[in-house]
C-alpha atoms as a PDB file:
ATOM      1  CA  MET A   1     -20.821  19.175   3.681  1.00  0.00           C
ATOM      2  CA  LYS A   2     -21.229  15.430   4.231  1.00  0.00           C
ATOM      3  CA  PRO A   3     -18.584  13.990   6.606  1.00  0.00           C
ATOM      4  CA  LEU A   4     -15.995  11.812   4.885  1.00  0.00           C
ATOM      5  CA  GLY A   5     -15.884   8.126   5.731  1.00  0.00           C
ATOM      6  CA  ARG A   6     -13.187   6.730   7.960  1.00  0.00           C
ATOM      7  CA  LEU A   7      -9.873   6.309   6.167  1.00  0.00           C
ATOM      8  CA  ARG A   8      -8.302   2.879   6.620  1.00  0.00           C
ATOM      9  CA  LEU A   9      -4.636   2.525   7.555  1.00  0.00           C
ATOM     10  CA  GLY A  10      -2.591  -0.399   6.295  1.00  0.00           C
ATOM     11  CA  ILE A  11       0.828  -1.021   7.833  1.00  0.00           C
ATOM     12  CA  ASN A  12       3.645  -2.440   5.712  1.00  0.00           C
ATOM     13  CA  ILE A  13       5.979  -4.516   7.893  1.00  0.00           C
ATOM     14  CA  ASP A  14       8.613  -5.320   5.251  1.00  0.00           C
ATOM     15  CA  HIS A  15      11.369  -3.371   6.959  1.00  0.00           C
ATOM     16  CA  VAL A  16      10.995  -5.170  10.260  1.00  0.00           C
ATOM     17  CA  ALA A  17      12.121  -8.164   8.213  1.00  0.00           C
ATOM     18  CA  THR A  18      14.883  -6.048   6.633  1.00  0.00           C
ATOM     19  CA  ILE A  19      16.334  -5.396  10.089  1.00  0.00           C
ATOM     20  CA  ARG A  20      16.033  -9.066  11.037  1.00  0.00           C
ATOM     21  CA  ASN A  21      17.762 -10.210   7.857  1.00  0.00           C
ATOM     22  CA  ALA A  22      20.615  -7.726   8.252  1.00  0.00           C
ATOM     23  CA  ARG A  23      21.932  -9.767  11.151  1.00  0.00           C
ATOM     24  CA  GLY A  24      20.264 -13.133  10.647  1.00  0.00           C
ATOM     25  CA  GLY A  25      18.258 -15.063  13.178  1.00  0.00           C
ATOM     26  CA  ALA A  26      14.610 -14.587  14.040  1.00  0.00           C
ATOM     27  CA  LEU A  27      14.465 -11.093  15.561  1.00  0.00           C
ATOM     28  CA  PRO A  28      12.797  -8.694  15.214  1.00  0.00           C
ATOM     29  CA  ASP A  29       9.775 -10.805  14.331  1.00  0.00           C
ATOM     30  CA  PRO A  30       7.484  -9.401  11.584  1.00  0.00           C
ATOM     31  CA  LEU A  31       4.481 -11.197  13.069  1.00  0.00           C
ATOM     32  CA  ARG A  32       5.018  -9.472  16.407  1.00  0.00           C
ATOM     33  CA  ALA A  33       5.149  -6.146  14.552  1.00  0.00           C
ATOM     34  CA  ALA A  34       1.897  -7.002  12.779  1.00  0.00           C
ATOM     35  CA  LEU A  35       0.192  -7.846  16.054  1.00  0.00           C
ATOM     36  CA  LEU A  36       1.413  -4.596  17.620  1.00  0.00           C
ATOM     37  CA  ALA A  37       0.103  -2.720  14.585  1.00  0.00           C
ATOM     38  CA  GLU A  38      -3.248  -4.449  14.936  1.00  0.00           C
ATOM     39  CA  ALA A  39      -3.439  -3.492  18.613  1.00  0.00           C
ATOM     40  CA  ALA A  40      -2.554   0.122  17.749  1.00  0.00           C
ATOM     41  CA  GLY A  41      -5.464   0.464  15.343  1.00  0.00           C
ATOM     42  CA  ALA A  42      -4.168  -0.705  11.972  1.00  0.00           C
ATOM     43  CA  ASP A  43      -6.882  -1.873   9.605  1.00  0.00           C
ATOM     44  CA  GLY A  44      -4.652  -4.208   7.630  1.00  0.00           C
ATOM     45  CA  ILE A  45      -1.121  -5.523   7.193  1.00  0.00           C
ATOM     46  CA  THR A  46       0.900  -5.366   3.981  1.00  0.00           C
ATOM     47  CA  ALA A  47       3.830  -7.702   3.293  1.00  0.00           C
ATOM     48  CA  HIS A  48       5.773  -7.742   0.025  1.00  0.00           C
ATOM     49  CA  LEU A  49       7.229 -11.128  -0.855  1.00  0.00           C
ATOM     50  CA  ARG A  50       9.963 -10.278  -3.336  1.00  0.00           C
ATOM     51  CA  GLU A  51      11.479 -12.697  -5.796  1.00  0.00           C
ATOM     52  CA  ASP A  52      14.854 -12.434  -4.018  1.00  0.00           C
ATOM     53  CA  ARG A  53      13.290 -12.637  -0.498  1.00  0.00           C
ATOM     54  CA  ARG A  54      15.355  -9.646   0.618  1.00  0.00           C
ATOM     55  CA  HIS A  55      13.018  -8.933   3.527  1.00  0.00           C
ATOM     56  CA  ILE A  56       9.745 -10.859   3.875  1.00  0.00           C
ATOM     57  CA  ARG A  57      10.180 -14.627   3.537  1.00  0.00           C
ATOM     58  CA  ASP A  58       7.731 -17.413   2.743  1.00  0.00           C
ATOM     59  CA  ALA A  59       7.578 -18.411   6.408  1.00  0.00           C
ATOM     60  CA  ASP A  60       6.535 -14.854   7.311  1.00  0.00           C
ATOM     61  CA  ILE A  61       3.524 -15.109   5.018  1.00  0.00           C
ATOM     62  CA  GLU A  62       2.601 -18.420   6.626  1.00  0.00           C
ATOM     63  CA  ALA A  63       2.879 -16.878  10.099  1.00  0.00           C
ATOM     64  CA  LEU A  64       0.892 -13.762   9.166  1.00  0.00           C
ATOM     65  CA  MET A  65      -1.936 -15.749   7.609  1.00  0.00           C
ATOM     66  CA  ALA A  66      -2.208 -17.844  10.772  1.00  0.00           C
ATOM     67  CA  GLY A  67      -1.531 -15.123  13.325  1.00  0.00           C
ATOM     68  CA  ILE A  68      -3.339 -11.887  12.494  1.00  0.00           C
ATOM     69  CA  SER A  69      -7.072 -11.207  12.587  1.00  0.00           C
ATOM     70  CA  ILE A  70      -7.062  -8.153  10.300  1.00  0.00           C
ATOM     71  CA  PRO A  71      -6.723  -8.470   6.497  1.00  0.00           C
ATOM     72  CA  LEU A  72      -3.402  -9.318   4.867  1.00  0.00           C
ATOM     73  CA  ASN A  73      -2.482  -7.430   1.722  1.00  0.00           C
ATOM     74  CA  PHE A  74      -0.035  -9.736  -0.078  1.00  0.00           C
ATOM     75  CA  GLU A  75       2.187  -7.567  -2.273  1.00  0.00           C
ATOM     76  CA  CYS A  76       4.072  -9.229  -5.095  1.00  0.00           C
ATOM     77  CA  ALA A  77       5.199  -9.113  -8.696  1.00  0.00           C
ATOM     78  CA  ALA A  78       3.041 -10.644 -11.410  1.00  0.00           C
ATOM     79  CA  THR A  79       5.024 -13.869 -11.760  1.00  0.00           C
ATOM     80  CA  ASP A  80       3.899 -17.490 -11.919  1.00  0.00           C
ATOM     81  CA  GLU A  81       5.667 -18.226  -8.636  1.00  0.00           C
ATOM     82  CA  MET A  82       3.882 -15.432  -6.775  1.00  0.00           C
ATOM     83  CA  GLN A  83       0.531 -16.297  -8.291  1.00  0.00           C
ATOM     84  CA  ALA A  84       0.912 -19.873  -7.031  1.00  0.00           C
ATOM     85  CA  ILE A  85       1.804 -18.653  -3.521  1.00  0.00           C
ATOM     86  CA  ALA A  86      -1.142 -16.265  -3.468  1.00  0.00           C
ATOM     87  CA  LEU A  87      -3.535 -18.982  -4.625  1.00  0.00           C
ATOM     88  CA  ARG A  88      -2.248 -21.309  -1.920  1.00  0.00           C
ATOM     89  CA  HIS A  89      -2.790 -18.783   0.871  1.00  0.00           C
ATOM     90  CA  LYS A  90      -5.785 -16.854  -0.529  1.00  0.00           C
ATOM     91  CA  PRO A  91      -5.096 -13.620   1.384  1.00  0.00           C
ATOM     92  CA  HIS A  92      -7.727 -10.903   1.604  1.00  0.00           C
ATOM     93  CA  ALA A  93      -5.932  -8.845  -1.046  1.00  0.00           C
ATOM     94  CA  VAL A  94      -3.183  -9.265  -3.602  1.00  0.00           C
ATOM     95  CA  CYS A  95      -1.438  -6.059  -4.690  1.00  0.00           C
ATOM     96  CA  LEU A  96       0.608  -6.373  -7.871  1.00  0.00           C
ATOM     97  CA  VAL A  97       3.664  -4.150  -8.108  1.00  0.00           C
ATOM     98  CA  PRO A  98       6.535  -3.718 -10.570  1.00  0.00           C
ATOM     99  CA  GLU A  99       9.721  -5.287  -9.310  1.00  0.00           C
ATOM    100  CA  LYS A 100      13.389  -5.057 -10.288  1.00  0.00           C
ATOM    101  CA  ARG A 101      16.175  -6.855  -8.466  1.00  0.00           C
ATOM    102  CA  GLU A 102      18.438  -3.783  -8.396  1.00  0.00           C
ATOM    103  CA  GLU A 103      15.893  -1.353  -6.895  1.00  0.00           C
ATOM    104  CA  ARG A 104      15.980  -0.435  -3.209  1.00  0.00           C
ATOM    105  CA  THR A 105      12.217   0.051  -3.096  1.00  0.00           C
ATOM    106  CA  THR A 106       9.382  -0.069  -5.606  1.00  0.00           C
ATOM    107  CA  GLU A 107      10.043   2.486  -8.325  1.00  0.00           C
ATOM    108  CA  GLY A 108       7.034   3.800 -10.224  1.00  0.00           C
ATOM    109  CA  GLY A 109       3.843   1.959 -10.991  1.00  0.00           C
ATOM    110  CA  LEU A 110       2.801  -0.932 -13.173  1.00  0.00           C
ATOM    111  CA  ASP A 111       2.396  -0.337 -16.902  1.00  0.00           C
ATOM    112  CA  VAL A 112      -1.091  -1.810 -16.972  1.00  0.00           C
ATOM    113  CA  ALA A 113      -1.959  -0.185 -20.298  1.00  0.00           C
ATOM    114  CA  GLY A 114       1.086  -1.718 -21.961  1.00  0.00           C
ATOM    115  CA  ASP A 115       0.618  -5.180 -20.419  1.00  0.00           C
ATOM    116  CA  ALA A 116      -3.151  -5.418 -20.195  1.00  0.00           C
ATOM    117  CA  ALA A 117      -3.651  -8.827 -21.805  1.00  0.00           C
ATOM    118  CA  ARG A 118      -1.099 -10.581 -19.580  1.00  0.00           C
ATOM    119  CA  LEU A 119      -2.195  -8.842 -16.388  1.00  0.00           C
ATOM    120  CA  GLY A 120      -5.855  -9.455 -17.142  1.00  0.00           C
ATOM    121  CA  ALA A 121      -5.195 -13.173 -17.511  1.00  0.00           C
ATOM    122  CA  PHE A 122      -2.952 -13.141 -14.439  1.00  0.00           C
ATOM    123  CA  ILE A 123      -5.545 -11.666 -12.084  1.00  0.00           C
ATOM    124  CA  THR A 124      -8.479 -13.834 -13.206  1.00  0.00           C
ATOM    125  CA  PRO A 125      -7.657 -16.889 -11.037  1.00  0.00           C
ATOM    126  CA  LEU A 126      -6.901 -14.605  -8.082  1.00  0.00           C
ATOM    127  CA  ARG A 127     -10.318 -12.986  -8.403  1.00  0.00           C
ATOM    128  CA  GLU A 128     -11.957 -16.403  -8.747  1.00  0.00           C
ATOM    129  CA  ALA A 129     -10.202 -17.515  -5.543  1.00  0.00           C
ATOM    130  CA  GLY A 130     -11.803 -14.614  -3.660  1.00  0.00           C
ATOM    131  CA  CYS A 131      -8.787 -12.280  -3.454  1.00  0.00           C
ATOM    132  CA  ARG A 132      -9.300  -8.565  -3.989  1.00  0.00           C
ATOM    133  CA  VAL A 133      -6.767  -7.625  -6.647  1.00  0.00           C
ATOM    134  CA  SER A 134      -5.059  -4.256  -6.346  1.00  0.00           C
ATOM    135  CA  LEU A 135      -2.748  -2.703  -8.936  1.00  0.00           C
ATOM    136  CA  PHE A 136      -0.002  -0.301  -7.845  1.00  0.00           C
ATOM    137  CA  ILE A 137       0.046   2.413 -10.497  1.00  0.00           C
ATOM    138  CA  GLY A 138       0.791   6.050 -11.197  1.00  0.00           C
ATOM    139  CA  HIS A 139      -1.984   8.586 -11.575  1.00  0.00           C
ATOM    140  CA  GLU A 140      -1.924   8.647 -15.396  1.00  0.00           C
ATOM    141  CA  PRO A 141      -5.469   8.344 -16.798  1.00  0.00           C
ATOM    142  CA  ARG A 142      -4.525   5.596 -19.266  1.00  0.00           C
ATOM    143  CA  GLN A 143      -3.173   3.396 -16.472  1.00  0.00           C
ATOM    144  CA  ILE A 144      -6.264   3.947 -14.352  1.00  0.00           C
ATOM    145  CA  ALA A 145      -8.603   3.205 -17.258  1.00  0.00           C
ATOM    146  CA  ALA A 146      -6.664   0.055 -18.156  1.00  0.00           C
ATOM    147  CA  SER A 147      -6.851  -1.143 -14.537  1.00  0.00           C
ATOM    148  CA  ALA A 148     -10.624  -0.857 -14.575  1.00  0.00           C
ATOM    149  CA  LYS A 149     -10.863  -2.521 -17.962  1.00  0.00           C
ATOM    150  CA  ILE A 150      -8.992  -5.679 -16.929  1.00  0.00           C
ATOM    151  CA  GLY A 151     -11.130  -6.148 -13.828  1.00  0.00           C
ATOM    152  CA  ALA A 152      -9.033  -4.982 -10.875  1.00  0.00           C
ATOM    153  CA  ALA A 153     -11.005  -4.177  -7.745  1.00  0.00           C
ATOM    154  CA  VAL A 154      -8.537  -1.609  -6.399  1.00  0.00           C
ATOM    155  CA  VAL A 155      -5.836   0.769  -7.567  1.00  0.00           C
ATOM    156  CA  GLU A 156      -3.161   2.033  -5.209  1.00  0.00           C
ATOM    157  CA  LEU A 157      -1.850   5.334  -6.511  1.00  0.00           C
ATOM    158  CA  HIS A 158       1.896   5.870  -6.096  1.00  0.00           C
ATOM    159  CA  THR A 159       2.532   8.883  -3.847  1.00  0.00           C
ATOM    160  CA  GLY A 160       6.331   8.631  -3.923  1.00  0.00           C
ATOM    161  CA  ARG A 161       6.977  11.516  -6.297  1.00  0.00           C
ATOM    162  CA  TYR A 162       4.691  13.813  -4.327  1.00  0.00           C
ATOM    163  CA  CYS A 163       6.423  12.930  -1.056  1.00  0.00           C
ATOM    164  CA  ASP A 164       9.856  13.499  -2.581  1.00  0.00           C
ATOM    165  CA  LEU A 165       8.831  16.914  -3.929  1.00  0.00           C
ATOM    166  CA  VAL A 166       7.483  17.941  -0.526  1.00  0.00           C
ATOM    167  CA  ALA A 167      10.635  16.737   1.238  1.00  0.00           C
ATOM    168  CA  ASP A 168      12.864  18.623  -1.203  1.00  0.00           C
ATOM    169  CA  GLY A 169      10.910  21.866  -0.858  1.00  0.00           C
ATOM    170  CA  HIS A 170       9.681  22.036  -4.451  1.00  0.00           C
ATOM    171  CA  GLU A 171       6.386  23.666  -3.566  1.00  0.00           C
ATOM    172  CA  ALA A 172       5.025  24.437  -7.038  1.00  0.00           C
ATOM    173  CA  GLU A 173       5.805  20.982  -8.404  1.00  0.00           C
ATOM    174  CA  ALA A 174       4.436  19.349  -5.263  1.00  0.00           C
ATOM    175  CA  ALA A 175       1.195  21.309  -5.631  1.00  0.00           C
ATOM    176  CA  ALA A 176       0.864  20.164  -9.251  1.00  0.00           C
ATOM    177  CA  GLU A 177       1.524  16.539  -8.286  1.00  0.00           C
ATOM    178  CA  PHE A 178      -1.024  16.820  -5.470  1.00  0.00           C
ATOM    179  CA  GLU A 179      -3.669  17.939  -7.960  1.00  0.00           C
ATOM    180  CA  ALA A 180      -2.703  15.141 -10.355  1.00  0.00           C
ATOM    181  CA  LEU A 181      -3.219  12.628  -7.551  1.00  0.00           C
ATOM    182  CA  ARG A 182      -6.592  14.204  -6.784  1.00  0.00           C
ATOM    183  CA  THR A 183      -7.626  13.988 -10.444  1.00  0.00           C
ATOM    184  CA  GLY A 184      -6.442  10.378 -10.639  1.00  0.00           C
ATOM    185  CA  ALA A 185      -8.382   9.422  -7.534  1.00  0.00           C
ATOM    186  CA  THR A 186     -11.524  11.041  -8.901  1.00  0.00           C
ATOM    187  CA  LEU A 187     -11.194   9.220 -12.231  1.00  0.00           C
ATOM    188  CA  ALA A 188     -10.522   5.857 -10.587  1.00  0.00           C
ATOM    189  CA  HIS A 189     -13.538   6.241  -8.321  1.00  0.00           C
ATOM    190  CA  SER A 190     -15.748   7.190 -11.268  1.00  0.00           C
ATOM    191  CA  LEU A 191     -14.714   3.965 -13.018  1.00  0.00           C
ATOM    192  CA  GLY A 192     -15.794   1.847 -10.048  1.00  0.00           C
ATOM    193  CA  LEU A 193     -12.336   1.237  -8.617  1.00  0.00           C
ATOM    194  CA  GLU A 194     -11.598   1.394  -4.897  1.00  0.00           C
ATOM    195  CA  VAL A 195      -8.812   3.924  -4.406  1.00  0.00           C
ATOM    196  CA  HIS A 196      -5.829   3.479  -2.104  1.00  0.00           C
ATOM    197  CA  MET A 197      -2.619   5.517  -1.892  1.00  0.00           C
ATOM    198  CA  GLY A 198       0.856   4.680  -0.657  1.00  0.00           C
ATOM    199  CA  HIS A 199       4.639   5.017  -0.897  1.00  0.00           C
ATOM    200  CA  GLY A 200       6.840   7.479   0.954  1.00  0.00           C
ATOM    201  CA  LEU A 201       4.093   8.873   3.171  1.00  0.00           C
ATOM    202  CA  ASP A 202       4.996  10.442   6.515  1.00  0.00           C
ATOM    203  CA  PHE A 203       2.921  12.281   9.116  1.00  0.00           C
ATOM    204  CA  GLU A 204       2.718  15.438   6.993  1.00  0.00           C
ATOM    205  CA  THR A 205       2.055  13.972   3.573  1.00  0.00           C
ATOM    206  CA  ALA A 206      -0.329  11.298   4.863  1.00  0.00           C
ATOM    207  CA  ALA A 207      -2.448  14.025   6.454  1.00  0.00           C
ATOM    208  CA  GLN A 208      -2.386  16.002   3.208  1.00  0.00           C
ATOM    209  CA  VAL A 209      -3.688  13.167   1.007  1.00  0.00           C
ATOM    210  CA  SER A 210      -6.221  12.153   3.664  1.00  0.00           C
ATOM    211  CA  VAL A 211      -8.454  14.963   2.386  1.00  0.00           C
ATOM    212  CA  PHE A 212      -9.205  13.132  -0.885  1.00  0.00           C
ATOM    213  CA  SER A 213     -12.759  11.907  -0.429  1.00  0.00           C
ATOM    214  CA  GLU A 214     -12.349   9.096  -2.982  1.00  0.00           C
ATOM    215  CA  VAL A 215      -9.419   7.512  -1.127  1.00  0.00           C
ATOM    216  CA  VAL A 216     -10.395   4.825   1.367  1.00  0.00           C
ATOM    217  CA  GLU A 217      -6.989   3.469   2.465  1.00  0.00           C
ATOM    218  CA  LEU A 218      -3.396   4.584   2.960  1.00  0.00           C
ATOM    219  CA  ASN A 219      -0.592   2.021   3.108  1.00  0.00           C
ATOM    220  CA  ILE A 220       2.471   3.135   5.049  1.00  0.00           C
ATOM    221  CA  GLY A 221       5.576   1.236   6.071  1.00  0.00           C
ATOM    222  CA  HIS A 222       9.124   2.570   5.978  1.00  0.00           C
ATOM    223  CA  PHE A 223       8.412   5.861   7.756  1.00  0.00           C
ATOM    224  CA  LEU A 224       6.565   4.192  10.624  1.00  0.00           C
ATOM    225  CA  ILE A 225       9.189   1.503  11.131  1.00  0.00           C
ATOM    226  CA  GLY A 226      11.798   4.263  11.301  1.00  0.00           C
ATOM    227  CA  GLU A 227       9.678   6.345  13.660  1.00  0.00           C
ATOM    228  CA  ALA A 228       9.249   3.294  15.868  1.00  0.00           C
ATOM    229  CA  VAL A 229      12.966   3.492  16.737  1.00  0.00           C
ATOM    230  CA  PHE A 230      12.254   6.746  18.577  1.00  0.00           C
ATOM    231  CA  ARG A 231       8.740   6.379  19.986  1.00  0.00           C
ATOM    232  CA  GLY A 232       7.783   2.705  19.627  1.00  0.00           C
ATOM    233  CA  LEU A 233       5.711   1.095  16.895  1.00  0.00           C
ATOM    234  CA  GLY A 234       2.367   1.316  18.659  1.00  0.00           C
ATOM    235  CA  PRO A 235       2.669   5.029  19.493  1.00  0.00           C
ATOM    236  CA  ALA A 236       3.925   5.811  15.969  1.00  0.00           C
ATOM    237  CA  ILE A 237       0.888   4.122  14.419  1.00  0.00           C
ATOM    238  CA  GLU A 238      -1.457   5.786  16.895  1.00  0.00           C
ATOM    239  CA  GLU A 239      -0.016   9.187  15.980  1.00  0.00           C
ATOM    240  CA  MET A 240      -0.437   8.460  12.263  1.00  0.00           C
ATOM    241  CA  ARG A 241      -4.019   7.379  12.894  1.00  0.00           C
ATOM    242  CA  ARG A 242      -4.670  10.576  14.870  1.00  0.00           C
ATOM    243  CA  ARG A 243      -3.308  12.853  12.150  1.00  0.00           C
ATOM    244  CA  MET A 244      -5.217  11.065   9.405  1.00  0.00           C
ATOM    245  CA  ASP A 245      -8.451  11.330  11.395  1.00  0.00           C
ATOM    246  CA  ILE A 246      -7.965  15.030  12.080  1.00  0.00           C
ATOM    247  CA  ALA A 247      -7.262  15.779   8.415  1.00  0.00           C
ATOM    248  CA  ARG A 248     -10.226  13.694   7.294  1.00  0.00           C
ATOM    249  CA  ALA A 249     -12.587  15.395   9.729  1.00  0.00           C
ATOM    250  CA  SER A 250     -11.349  18.851   8.735  1.00  0.00           C
ATOM    251  CA  ALA A 251     -11.869  18.068   5.045  1.00  0.00           C
ATOM    252  CA  GLY A 252     -15.412  16.903   5.739  1.00  0.00           C
ATOM    253  CA  ARG A 253     -16.210  20.232   7.422  1.00  0.00           C
ATOM    254  CA  ALA A 254     -14.650  22.357   4.674  1.00  0.00           C
END
């Protein structure tokens, strides 16, 4: 069997900013976290600038654009304000996500099929500015097909439900969700979309989804920032990289 290509690892640094903002001041510094991630083998950095600025702030985006040498994935809601910020900075990628003020973290994926006209118009100037537009969606075929139709370059499939089912010990449901993610990745790839996955991934679940040949990138944040408390950010990322590589190599030999 043909070996699978290297799986990229994007590191979300939002919750370094969450810790900083809990006390105020400038520490811990999200840029320092991004640079440590880069040194540990990360392929990209994700930062979600929320409407309420609960973690990442505008100045963090400025610092990241100036300070890192790996791609920045600018995560945001599809609002006029965020579009203007993205067009000003022109990051490597812009990932559109659903956003509600009351949520603790992103819940579910975008309803691309139900909002295709608006989202299609929204992403056009981003594409023209040279940004790779990614849509954070569930694995439903209609959402994947709609994402391709409006011209997105990438879909990031939401792995949160799968991770929750694994954590709660619901083996049969987790197995079904795993297969649904596999089917979604296959469909997205067949439609010409680059396929990423993210949300809720830890060492175990990241290794499990690393076997999908169509997936080229995993984006992981909260787990690694938490793990950094115990082993340091660099070693946590290196361990994630190691487990992803082992799983990918094993899948290529299967």
